[in-house]
Amino acid sequence: MTTRDDLYRLVDQLRPETLDDAAAALRQYAPAGASEPPFPASVGAVSEAPADLATNVDNYLAEGFGQ
């Protein structure tokens, strides 16, 4: 049985000039309209966060960030 990991390894071995043909061959097995897995609703929830949020998360949470 072929696993996704098997397919990923095969894709990693493709020559650049064959990518279009390989994608066309695989596309026939993907559901119509499927391009990328959907992201959880929480992704992008903090799109206007300060640039230093990751560094100072404890400080922002202590101040009531997001309330």
PDB file of N, CA and C in Angstrom:
ATOM      1  N   MET A   1       0.840  -1.178   0.000  1.00  0.00           N
ATOM      2  CA  MET A   1       0.000   0.000   0.000  1.00  0.00           C
ATOM      3  C   MET A   1       0.890   1.248   0.000  1.00  0.00           C
ATOM      4  N   THR A   2       0.587   2.189  -0.844  1.00  0.00           N
ATOM      5  CA  THR A   2       1.324   3.442  -0.928  1.00  0.00           C
ATOM      6  C   THR A   2       0.823   4.411   0.126  1.00  0.00           C
ATOM      7  N   THR A   3       1.738   5.046   0.801  1.00  0.00           N
ATOM      8  CA  THR A   3       1.375   6.040   1.813  1.00  0.00           C
ATOM      9  C   THR A   3       1.666   7.442   1.272  1.00  0.00           C
ATOM     10  N   ARG A   4       1.157   8.430   1.966  1.00  0.00           N
ATOM     11  CA  ARG A   4       1.449   9.817   1.587  1.00  0.00           C
ATOM     12  C   ARG A   4       2.953  10.080   1.643  1.00  0.00           C
ATOM     13  N   ASP A   5       3.597   9.500   2.646  1.00  0.00           N
ATOM     14  CA  ASP A   5       5.048   9.687   2.744  1.00  0.00           C
ATOM     15  C   ASP A   5       5.762   9.136   1.509  1.00  0.00           C
ATOM     16  N   ASP A   6       5.282   8.002   0.979  1.00  0.00           N
ATOM     17  CA  ASP A   6       5.861   7.457  -0.255  1.00  0.00           C
ATOM     18  C   ASP A   6       5.718   8.464  -1.389  1.00  0.00           C
ATOM     19  N   LEU A   7       4.546   9.066  -1.502  1.00  0.00           N
ATOM     20  CA  LEU A   7       4.316  10.049  -2.559  1.00  0.00           C
ATOM     21  C   LEU A   7       5.168  11.296  -2.360  1.00  0.00           C
ATOM     22  N   TYR A   8       5.290  11.752  -1.123  1.00  0.00           N
ATOM     23  CA  TYR A   8       6.124  12.922  -0.857  1.00  0.00           C
ATOM     24  C   TYR A   8       7.571  12.650  -1.272  1.00  0.00           C
ATOM     25  N   ARG A   9       8.068  11.439  -0.965  1.00  0.00           N
ATOM     26  CA  ARG A   9       9.438  11.098  -1.352  1.00  0.00           C
ATOM     27  C   ARG A   9       9.588  11.100  -2.868  1.00  0.00           C
ATOM     28  N   LEU A  10       8.588  10.589  -3.574  1.00  0.00           N
ATOM     29  CA  LEU A  10       8.638  10.596  -5.040  1.00  0.00           C
ATOM     30  C   LEU A  10       8.651  12.024  -5.589  1.00  0.00           C
ATOM     31  N   VAL A  11       7.806  12.866  -5.041  1.00  0.00           N
ATOM     32  CA  VAL A  11       7.746  14.258  -5.500  1.00  0.00           C
ATOM     33  C   VAL A  11       9.089  14.945  -5.272  1.00  0.00           C
ATOM     34  N   ASP A  12       9.716  14.673  -4.140  1.00  0.00           N
ATOM     35  CA  ASP A  12      11.018  15.283  -3.861  1.00  0.00           C
ATOM     36  C   ASP A  12      12.085  14.870  -4.865  1.00  0.00           C
ATOM     37  N   GLN A  13      11.891  13.738  -5.534  1.00  0.00           N
ATOM     38  CA  GLN A  13      12.875  13.237  -6.494  1.00  0.00           C
ATOM     39  C   GLN A  13      12.607  13.702  -7.930  1.00  0.00           C
ATOM     40  N   LEU A  14      11.487  14.372  -8.162  1.00  0.00           N
ATOM     41  CA  LEU A  14      11.151  14.806  -9.518  1.00  0.00           C
ATOM     42  C   LEU A  14      12.117  15.869 -10.022  1.00  0.00           C
ATOM     43  N   ARG A  15      12.413  15.782 -11.299  1.00  0.00           N
ATOM     44  CA  ARG A  15      13.211  16.835 -11.942  1.00  0.00           C
ATOM     45  C   ARG A  15      12.309  18.045 -12.164  1.00  0.00           C
ATOM     46  N   PRO A  16      12.846  19.244 -12.049  1.00  0.00           N
ATOM     47  CA  PRO A  16      12.022  20.458 -12.185  1.00  0.00           C
ATOM     48  C   PRO A  16      11.222  20.507 -13.482  1.00  0.00           C
ATOM     49  N   GLU A  17      11.777  20.031 -14.569  1.00  0.00           N
ATOM     50  CA  GLU A  17      11.072  20.100 -15.857  1.00  0.00           C
ATOM     51  C   GLU A  17       9.898  19.129 -15.948  1.00  0.00           C
ATOM     52  N   THR A  18       9.737  18.230 -14.980  1.00  0.00           N
ATOM     53  CA  THR A  18       8.617  17.283 -15.012  1.00  0.00           C
ATOM     54  C   THR A  18       7.489  17.650 -14.044  1.00  0.00           C
ATOM     55  N   LEU A  19       7.658  18.736 -13.309  1.00  0.00           N
ATOM     56  CA  LEU A  19       6.671  19.091 -12.277  1.00  0.00           C
ATOM     57  C   LEU A  19       5.275  19.337 -12.837  1.00  0.00           C
ATOM     58  N   ASP A  20       5.174  20.028 -13.966  1.00  0.00           N
ATOM     59  CA  ASP A  20       3.847  20.307 -14.541  1.00  0.00           C
ATOM     60  C   ASP A  20       3.125  19.017 -14.906  1.00  0.00           C
ATOM     61  N   ASP A  21       3.832  18.090 -15.527  1.00  0.00           N
ATOM     62  CA  ASP A  21       3.212  16.813 -15.910  1.00  0.00           C
ATOM     63  C   ASP A  21       2.808  15.999 -14.683  1.00  0.00           C
ATOM     64  N   ALA A  22       3.656  15.985 -13.673  1.00  0.00           N
ATOM     65  CA  ALA A  22       3.349  15.234 -12.453  1.00  0.00           C
ATOM     66  C   ALA A  22       2.130  15.830 -11.751  1.00  0.00           C
ATOM     67  N   ALA A  23       2.070  17.152 -11.686  1.00  0.00           N
ATOM     68  CA  ALA A  23       0.927  17.813 -11.048  1.00  0.00           C
ATOM     69  C   ALA A  23      -0.359  17.503 -11.801  1.00  0.00           C
ATOM     70  N   ALA A  24      -0.305  17.519 -13.128  1.00  0.00           N
ATOM     71  CA  ALA A  24      -1.498  17.217 -13.927  1.00  0.00           C
ATOM     72  C   ALA A  24      -1.956  15.786 -13.692  1.00  0.00           C
ATOM     73  N   ALA A  25      -1.013  14.864 -13.573  1.00  0.00           N
ATOM     74  CA  ALA A  25      -1.369  13.464 -13.337  1.00  0.00           C
ATOM     75  C   ALA A  25      -2.029  13.284 -11.973  1.00  0.00           C
ATOM     76  N   LEU A  26      -1.537  13.962 -10.956  1.00  0.00           N
ATOM     77  CA  LEU A  26      -2.102  13.827  -9.609  1.00  0.00           C
ATOM     78  C   LEU A  26      -3.405  14.585  -9.439  1.00  0.00           C
ATOM     79  N   ARG A  27      -3.545  15.690 -10.166  1.00  0.00           N
ATOM     80  CA  ARG A  27      -4.734  16.537 -10.028  1.00  0.00           C
ATOM     81  C   ARG A  27      -6.022  15.769 -10.306  1.00  0.00           C
ATOM     82  N   GLN A  28      -5.965  14.778 -11.174  1.00  0.00           N
ATOM     83  CA  GLN A  28      -7.180  14.026 -11.507  1.00  0.00           C
ATOM     84  C   GLN A  28      -7.721  13.241 -10.309  1.00  0.00           C
ATOM     85  N   TYR A  29      -6.886  13.014  -9.292  1.00  0.00           N
ATOM     86  CA  TYR A  29      -7.319  12.261  -8.113  1.00  0.00           C
ATOM     87  C   TYR A  29      -7.757  13.148  -6.956  1.00  0.00           C
ATOM     88  N   ALA A  30      -7.545  14.438  -7.078  1.00  0.00           N
ATOM     89  CA  ALA A  30      -7.928  15.371  -6.015  1.00  0.00           C
ATOM     90  C   ALA A  30      -9.377  15.793  -6.212  1.00  0.00           C
ATOM     91  N   PRO A  31     -10.116  16.002  -5.132  1.00  0.00           N
ATOM     92  CA  PRO A  31     -11.497  16.470  -5.258  1.00  0.00           C
ATOM     93  C   PRO A  31     -11.538  17.826  -5.966  1.00  0.00           C
ATOM     94  N   ALA A  32     -12.585  18.062  -6.683  1.00  0.00           N
ATOM     95  CA  ALA A  32     -12.743  19.326  -7.409  1.00  0.00           C
ATOM     96  C   ALA A  32     -12.697  20.493  -6.439  1.00  0.00           C
ATOM     97  N   GLY A  33     -11.932  21.513  -6.778  1.00  0.00           N
ATOM     98  CA  GLY A  33     -11.842  22.699  -5.949  1.00  0.00           C
ATOM     99  C   GLY A  33     -10.864  22.587  -4.802  1.00  0.00           C
ATOM    100  N   ALA A  34     -10.262  21.415  -4.621  1.00  0.00           N
ATOM    101  CA  ALA A  34      -9.310  21.251  -3.525  1.00  0.00           C
ATOM    102  C   ALA A  34      -7.961  21.815  -3.938  1.00  0.00           C
ATOM    103  N   SER A  35      -7.456  22.755  -3.151  1.00  0.00           N
ATOM    104  CA  SER A  35      -6.139  23.296  -3.457  1.00  0.00           C
ATOM    105  C   SER A  35      -5.221  23.152  -2.250  1.00  0.00           C
ATOM    106  N   GLU A  36      -5.677  23.557  -1.105  1.00  0.00           N
ATOM    107  CA  GLU A  36      -4.891  23.460   0.113  1.00  0.00           C
ATOM    108  C   GLU A  36      -5.822  23.028   1.234  1.00  0.00           C
ATOM    109  N   PRO A  37      -5.271  22.347   2.227  1.00  0.00           N
ATOM    110  CA  PRO A  37      -6.138  21.983   3.355  1.00  0.00           C
ATOM    111  C   PRO A  37      -6.668  23.248   4.031  1.00  0.00           C
ATOM    112  N   PRO A  38      -7.893  23.223   4.521  1.00  0.00           N
ATOM    113  CA  PRO A  38      -8.432  24.413   5.183  1.00  0.00           C
ATOM    114  C   PRO A  38      -7.686  24.687   6.488  1.00  0.00           C
ATOM    115  N   PHE A  39      -7.531  25.943   6.798  1.00  0.00           N
ATOM    116  CA  PHE A  39      -6.879  26.312   8.044  1.00  0.00           C
ATOM    117  C   PHE A  39      -7.938  26.431   9.136  1.00  0.00           C
ATOM    118  N   PRO A  40      -7.557  26.194  10.389  1.00  0.00           N
ATOM    119  CA  PRO A  40      -8.508  26.389  11.483  1.00  0.00           C
ATOM    120  C   PRO A  40      -8.939  27.857  11.538  1.00  0.00           C
ATOM    121  N   ALA A  41     -10.101  28.104  12.056  1.00  0.00           N
ATOM    122  CA  ALA A  41     -10.638  29.466  12.135  1.00  0.00           C
ATOM    123  C   ALA A  41      -9.733  30.392  12.931  1.00  0.00           C
ATOM    124  N   SER A  42      -8.919  29.830  13.830  1.00  0.00           N
ATOM    125  CA  SER A  42      -8.051  30.664  14.665  1.00  0.00           C
ATOM    126  C   SER A  42      -6.873  31.249  13.892  1.00  0.00           C
ATOM    127  N   VAL A  43      -6.523  30.703  12.737  1.00  0.00           N
ATOM    128  CA  VAL A  43      -5.407  31.230  11.959  1.00  0.00           C
ATOM    129  C   VAL A  43      -5.778  32.615  11.441  1.00  0.00           C
ATOM    130  N   GLY A  44      -4.924  33.560  11.685  1.00  0.00           N
ATOM    131  CA  GLY A  44      -5.196  34.929  11.266  1.00  0.00           C
ATOM    132  C   GLY A  44      -5.979  35.730  12.282  1.00  0.00           C
ATOM    133  N   ALA A  45      -6.323  35.125  13.401  1.00  0.00           N
ATOM    134  CA  ALA A  45      -7.116  35.817  14.412  1.00  0.00           C
ATOM    135  C   ALA A  45      -6.362  36.995  15.013  1.00  0.00           C
ATOM    136  N   VAL A  46      -5.050  36.960  14.947  1.00  0.00           N
ATOM    137  CA  VAL A  46      -4.238  38.012  15.534  1.00  0.00           C
ATOM    138  C   VAL A  46      -3.474  38.723  14.416  1.00  0.00           C
ATOM    139  N   SER A  47      -4.163  39.048  13.349  1.00  0.00           N
ATOM    140  CA  SER A  47      -3.493  39.609  12.179  1.00  0.00           C
ATOM    141  C   SER A  47      -2.959  41.022  12.402  1.00  0.00           C
ATOM    142  N   GLU A  48      -3.466  41.733  13.366  1.00  0.00           N
ATOM    143  CA  GLU A  48      -2.986  43.091  13.612  1.00  0.00           C
ATOM    144  C   GLU A  48      -2.242  43.180  14.940  1.00  0.00           C
ATOM    145  N   ALA A  49      -1.525  42.114  15.253  1.00  0.00           N
ATOM    146  CA  ALA A  49      -0.773  42.070  16.503  1.00  0.00           C
ATOM    147  C   ALA A  49       0.516  42.867  16.378  1.00  0.00           C
ATOM    148  N   PRO A  50       1.046  43.313  17.493  1.00  0.00           N
ATOM    149  CA  PRO A  50       2.329  44.016  17.469  1.00  0.00           C
ATOM    150  C   PRO A  50       3.433  43.102  16.943  1.00  0.00           C
ATOM    151  N   ALA A  51       4.449  43.672  16.326  1.00  0.00           N
ATOM    152  CA  ALA A  51       5.533  42.897  15.724  1.00  0.00           C
ATOM    153  C   ALA A  51       6.325  42.106  16.760  1.00  0.00           C
ATOM    154  N   ASP A  52       6.340  42.571  18.003  1.00  0.00           N
ATOM    155  CA  ASP A  52       7.125  41.884  19.035  1.00  0.00           C
ATOM    156  C   ASP A  52       6.265  40.960  19.905  1.00  0.00           C
ATOM    157  N   LEU A  53       5.122  40.559  19.407  1.00  0.00           N
ATOM    158  CA  LEU A  53       4.189  39.753  20.209  1.00  0.00           C
ATOM    159  C   LEU A  53       4.825  38.469  20.717  1.00  0.00           C
ATOM    160  N   ALA A  54       5.508  37.730  19.848  1.00  0.00           N
ATOM    161  CA  ALA A  54       6.084  36.451  20.260  1.00  0.00           C
ATOM    162  C   ALA A  54       7.138  36.645  21.349  1.00  0.00           C
ATOM    163  N   THR A  55       7.897  37.716  21.244  1.00  0.00           N
ATOM    164  CA  THR A  55       8.958  37.978  22.217  1.00  0.00           C
ATOM    165  C   THR A  55       8.393  38.402  23.568  1.00  0.00           C
ATOM    166  N   ASN A  56       7.318  39.164  23.543  1.00  0.00           N
ATOM    167  CA  ASN A  56       6.774  39.741  24.776  1.00  0.00           C
ATOM    168  C   ASN A  56       5.388  39.229  25.120  1.00  0.00           C
ATOM    169  N   VAL A  57       5.089  38.009  24.766  1.00  0.00           N
ATOM    170  CA  VAL A  57       3.741  37.481  24.952  1.00  0.00           C
ATOM    171  C   VAL A  57       3.287  37.559  26.412  1.00  0.00           C
ATOM    172  N   ASP A  58       4.182  37.264  27.336  1.00  0.00           N
ATOM    173  CA  ASP A  58       3.791  37.296  28.754  1.00  0.00           C
ATOM    174  C   ASP A  58       3.395  38.709  29.190  1.00  0.00           C
ATOM    175  N   ASN A  59       4.135  39.700  28.707  1.00  0.00           N
ATOM    176  CA  ASN A  59       3.811  41.091  29.051  1.00  0.00           C
ATOM    177  C   ASN A  59       2.453  41.493  28.483  1.00  0.00           C
ATOM    178  N   TYR A  60       2.203  41.130  27.221  1.00  0.00           N
ATOM    179  CA  TYR A  60       0.924  41.488  26.600  1.00  0.00           C
ATOM    180  C   TYR A  60      -0.253  40.789  27.283  1.00  0.00           C
ATOM    181  N   LEU A  61      -0.074  39.531  27.641  1.00  0.00           N
ATOM    182  CA  LEU A  61      -1.156  38.811  28.315  1.00  0.00           C
ATOM    183  C   LEU A  61      -1.423  39.414  29.693  1.00  0.00           C
ATOM    184  N   ALA A  62      -0.379  39.816  30.383  1.00  0.00           N
ATOM    185  CA  ALA A  62      -0.548  40.424  31.713  1.00  0.00           C
ATOM    186  C   ALA A  62      -1.312  41.734  31.619  1.00  0.00           C
ATOM    187  N   GLU A  63      -1.158  42.433  30.474  1.00  0.00           N
ATOM    188  CA  GLU A  63      -1.865  43.705  30.288  1.00  0.00           C
ATOM    189  C   GLU A  63      -3.282  43.510  29.751  1.00  0.00           C
ATOM    190  N   GLY A  64      -3.684  42.272  29.484  1.00  0.00           N
ATOM    191  CA  GLY A  64      -5.029  42.013  28.996  1.00  0.00           C
ATOM    192  C   GLY A  64      -5.147  42.052  27.485  1.00  0.00           C
ATOM    193  N   PHE A  65      -4.112  41.672  26.774  1.00  0.00           N
ATOM    194  CA  PHE A  65      -4.097  41.663  25.318  1.00  0.00           C
ATOM    195  C   PHE A  65      -5.315  40.935  24.755  1.00  0.00           C
ATOM    196  N   GLY A  66      -5.986  41.560  23.799  1.00  0.00           N
ATOM    197  CA  GLY A  66      -7.123  40.934  23.127  1.00  0.00           C
ATOM    198  C   GLY A  66      -8.455  41.154  23.825  1.00  0.00           C
ATOM    199  N   GLN A  67      -8.470  41.905  24.889  1.00  0.00           N
ATOM    200  CA  GLN A  67      -9.735  42.123  25.594  1.00  0.00           C
ATOM    201  C   GLN A  67     -10.348  43.435  25.184  1.00  0.00           C
TER     202      GLN A  67
END
